[in-house]
Amino acid sequence: MLQTLVQVSLFCLLAVICVQAEQYFDLPIPGSVIGLAIVLLLLLTKTIPEHRVSLGSAWLIAELLLFFIPPVVSVIKYQSLFENYGVQLMVMLVLGTVFVLVGTGFVVDRVFRFERRMNRQRAQALLASGMED
């Protein structure tokens, strides 16, 4: 439990630092995206092993519903906005969700293809080096 708490705290600290950096340098990229990119680079370069962030990330994903409570409260608070523009908002929400799902599916497909190609190249290199010996 302590390890999970430490990992989540480090994720939160990284998020705060990235948001501050985004505001300070007036970057066009949101701080959260910068933080995700940093974590991705650290994982890809094996600077941080996956097991060092797995508990915290699993907890955050499991508790993701908690992060959707504020938007629900906003819906209740701004009911007149939804009465006047509800259809347009729903269309935009559905289109946005579809674009995100399609984009995510496309990126995941490309990453899996890249990974598969890299694994094939590694296997061929191992076979070739094994035949030379």
Protein backbone atom coordinates (compact mmCIF):
# COMPACT_ATOMS: atom_id res chain seq x y z
CA MET A 1 0.00 0.00 0.00
CA LEU A 2 2.84 2.37 0.85
CA GLN A 3 4.48 1.71 -2.51
CA THR A 4 1.22 2.54 -4.30
CA LEU A 5 0.90 5.77 -2.33
CA VAL A 6 4.47 6.78 -3.19
CA GLN A 7 3.97 6.04 -6.88
CA VAL A 8 0.68 7.98 -7.05
CA SER A 9 2.31 10.87 -5.17
CA LEU A 10 5.16 10.94 -7.68
CA PHE A 11 2.68 10.95 -10.56
CA CYS A 12 0.88 13.89 -8.93
CA LEU A 13 4.15 15.74 -8.33
CA LEU A 14 5.16 15.21 -11.96
CA ALA A 15 1.75 16.48 -13.09
CA VAL A 16 2.06 19.64 -10.99
CA ILE A 17 5.60 20.30 -12.23
CA CYS A 18 4.56 19.81 -15.86
CA VAL A 19 1.54 22.10 -15.53
CA GLN A 20 3.75 24.75 -13.90
CA ALA A 21 6.33 24.37 -16.70
CA GLU A 22 3.58 24.67 -19.30
CA GLN A 23 2.33 27.90 -17.74
CA TYR A 24 5.80 29.33 -17.12
CA PHE A 25 7.06 28.69 -20.65
CA ASP A 26 3.62 29.39 -22.21
CA LEU A 27 3.70 26.08 -24.08
CA PRO A 28 0.92 25.14 -26.51
CA ILE A 29 0.94 21.55 -25.18
CA PRO A 30 -0.98 20.81 -21.96
CA GLY A 31 1.14 19.95 -18.94
CA SER A 32 -0.59 16.60 -18.57
CA VAL A 33 0.49 15.59 -22.08
CA ILE A 34 4.04 16.70 -21.32
CA GLY A 35 4.00 14.56 -18.18
CA LEU A 36 2.71 11.54 -20.07
CA ALA A 37 5.43 12.02 -22.67
CA ILE A 38 8.09 12.20 -19.96
CA VAL A 39 6.83 9.01 -18.32
CA LEU A 40 6.68 7.30 -21.71
CA LEU A 41 10.26 8.32 -22.54
CA LEU A 42 11.49 7.18 -19.13
CA LEU A 43 9.79 3.81 -19.61
CA LEU A 44 11.01 3.39 -23.20
CA THR A 45 14.60 4.18 -22.26
CA LYS A 46 14.25 1.85 -19.27
CA THR A 47 15.34 4.71 -16.97
CA ILE A 48 12.34 3.73 -14.89
CA PRO A 49 11.45 0.02 -14.94
CA GLU A 50 7.79 -0.74 -15.49
CA HIS A 51 7.39 -2.36 -12.07
CA ARG A 52 8.33 0.99 -10.46
CA VAL A 53 5.12 2.61 -11.73
CA SER A 54 2.77 -0.35 -12.17
CA LEU A 55 1.05 -0.22 -8.76
CA GLY A 56 0.40 3.52 -8.87
CA SER A 57 -0.81 3.49 -12.46
CA ALA A 58 -3.08 0.49 -11.79
CA TRP A 59 -4.62 2.29 -8.81
CA LEU A 60 -5.17 5.48 -10.83
CA ILE A 61 -6.84 3.51 -13.62
CA ALA A 62 -9.00 1.61 -11.13
CA GLU A 63 -10.14 4.88 -9.53
CA LEU A 64 -10.67 6.69 -12.83
CA LEU A 65 -14.38 7.13 -12.11
CA LEU A 66 -13.45 9.50 -9.29
CA PHE A 67 -12.04 11.91 -11.85
CA PHE A 68 -15.37 12.06 -13.68
CA ILE A 69 -17.37 13.30 -10.68
CA PRO A 70 -16.52 17.01 -11.21
CA PRO A 71 -17.95 17.03 -14.76
CA VAL A 72 -21.16 15.46 -13.44
CA VAL A 73 -21.43 18.20 -10.83
CA SER A 74 -20.89 20.76 -13.62
CA VAL A 75 -23.79 19.29 -15.57
CA ILE A 76 -26.05 19.82 -12.58
CA LYS A 77 -24.68 23.32 -11.92
CA TYR A 78 -25.09 24.53 -15.52
CA GLN A 79 -28.41 22.90 -16.29
CA SER A 80 -29.66 25.91 -18.31
CA LEU A 81 -26.66 25.60 -20.61
CA PHE A 82 -27.59 22.00 -21.31
CA GLU A 83 -31.23 22.92 -21.83
CA ASN A 84 -30.29 25.49 -24.49
CA TYR A 85 -27.36 23.74 -26.17
CA GLY A 86 -27.85 20.13 -25.11
CA VAL A 87 -28.19 18.64 -28.59
CA GLN A 88 -25.14 20.46 -29.94
CA LEU A 89 -23.12 19.51 -26.86
CA MET A 90 -24.13 15.87 -27.13
CA VAL A 91 -23.22 15.77 -30.83
CA MET A 92 -19.83 17.29 -30.07
CA LEU A 93 -19.27 14.89 -27.15
CA VAL A 94 -20.12 11.88 -29.31
CA LEU A 95 -17.95 13.11 -32.20
CA GLY A 96 -15.09 13.90 -29.84
CA THR A 97 -15.34 10.47 -28.25
CA VAL A 98 -15.40 8.76 -31.64
CA PHE A 99 -12.34 10.72 -32.79
CA VAL A 100 -10.46 9.86 -29.61
CA LEU A 101 -11.37 6.16 -29.90
CA VAL A 102 -10.40 6.00 -33.56
CA GLY A 103 -7.18 7.91 -32.93
CA THR A 104 -6.28 5.70 -29.99
CA GLY A 105 -7.05 2.56 -31.98
CA PHE A 106 -4.91 3.82 -34.86
CA VAL A 107 -1.95 4.62 -32.60
CA VAL A 108 -2.20 1.32 -30.72
CA ASP A 109 -2.38 -0.58 -34.01
CA ARG A 110 0.72 1.21 -35.31
CA VAL A 111 2.63 0.58 -32.08
CA PHE A 112 1.74 -3.13 -32.15
CA ARG A 113 2.82 -3.39 -35.80
CA PHE A 114 6.08 -1.60 -35.00
CA GLU A 115 6.67 -3.87 -32.01
CA ARG A 116 5.94 -6.98 -34.08
CA ARG A 117 8.33 -5.81 -36.81
CA MET A 118 11.06 -5.10 -34.24
CA ASN A 119 10.59 -8.54 -32.65
CA ARG A 120 10.84 -10.19 -36.07
CA GLN A 121 14.04 -8.28 -36.82
CA ARG A 122 15.51 -9.28 -33.45
CA ALA A 123 14.58 -12.91 -34.04
CA GLN A 124 16.13 -12.85 -37.53
CA ALA A 125 19.28 -11.23 -36.15
CA LEU A 126 19.52 -13.91 -33.46
CA LEU A 127 19.03 -16.65 -36.02
CA ALA A 128 21.63 -15.12 -38.30
CA SER A 129 24.16 -14.75 -35.49
CA GLY A 130 23.43 -18.33 -34.36
CA MET A 131 24.09 -19.68 -37.88
CA GLU A 132 27.40 -17.81 -38.12
CA ASP A 133 28.72 -19.50 -34.97
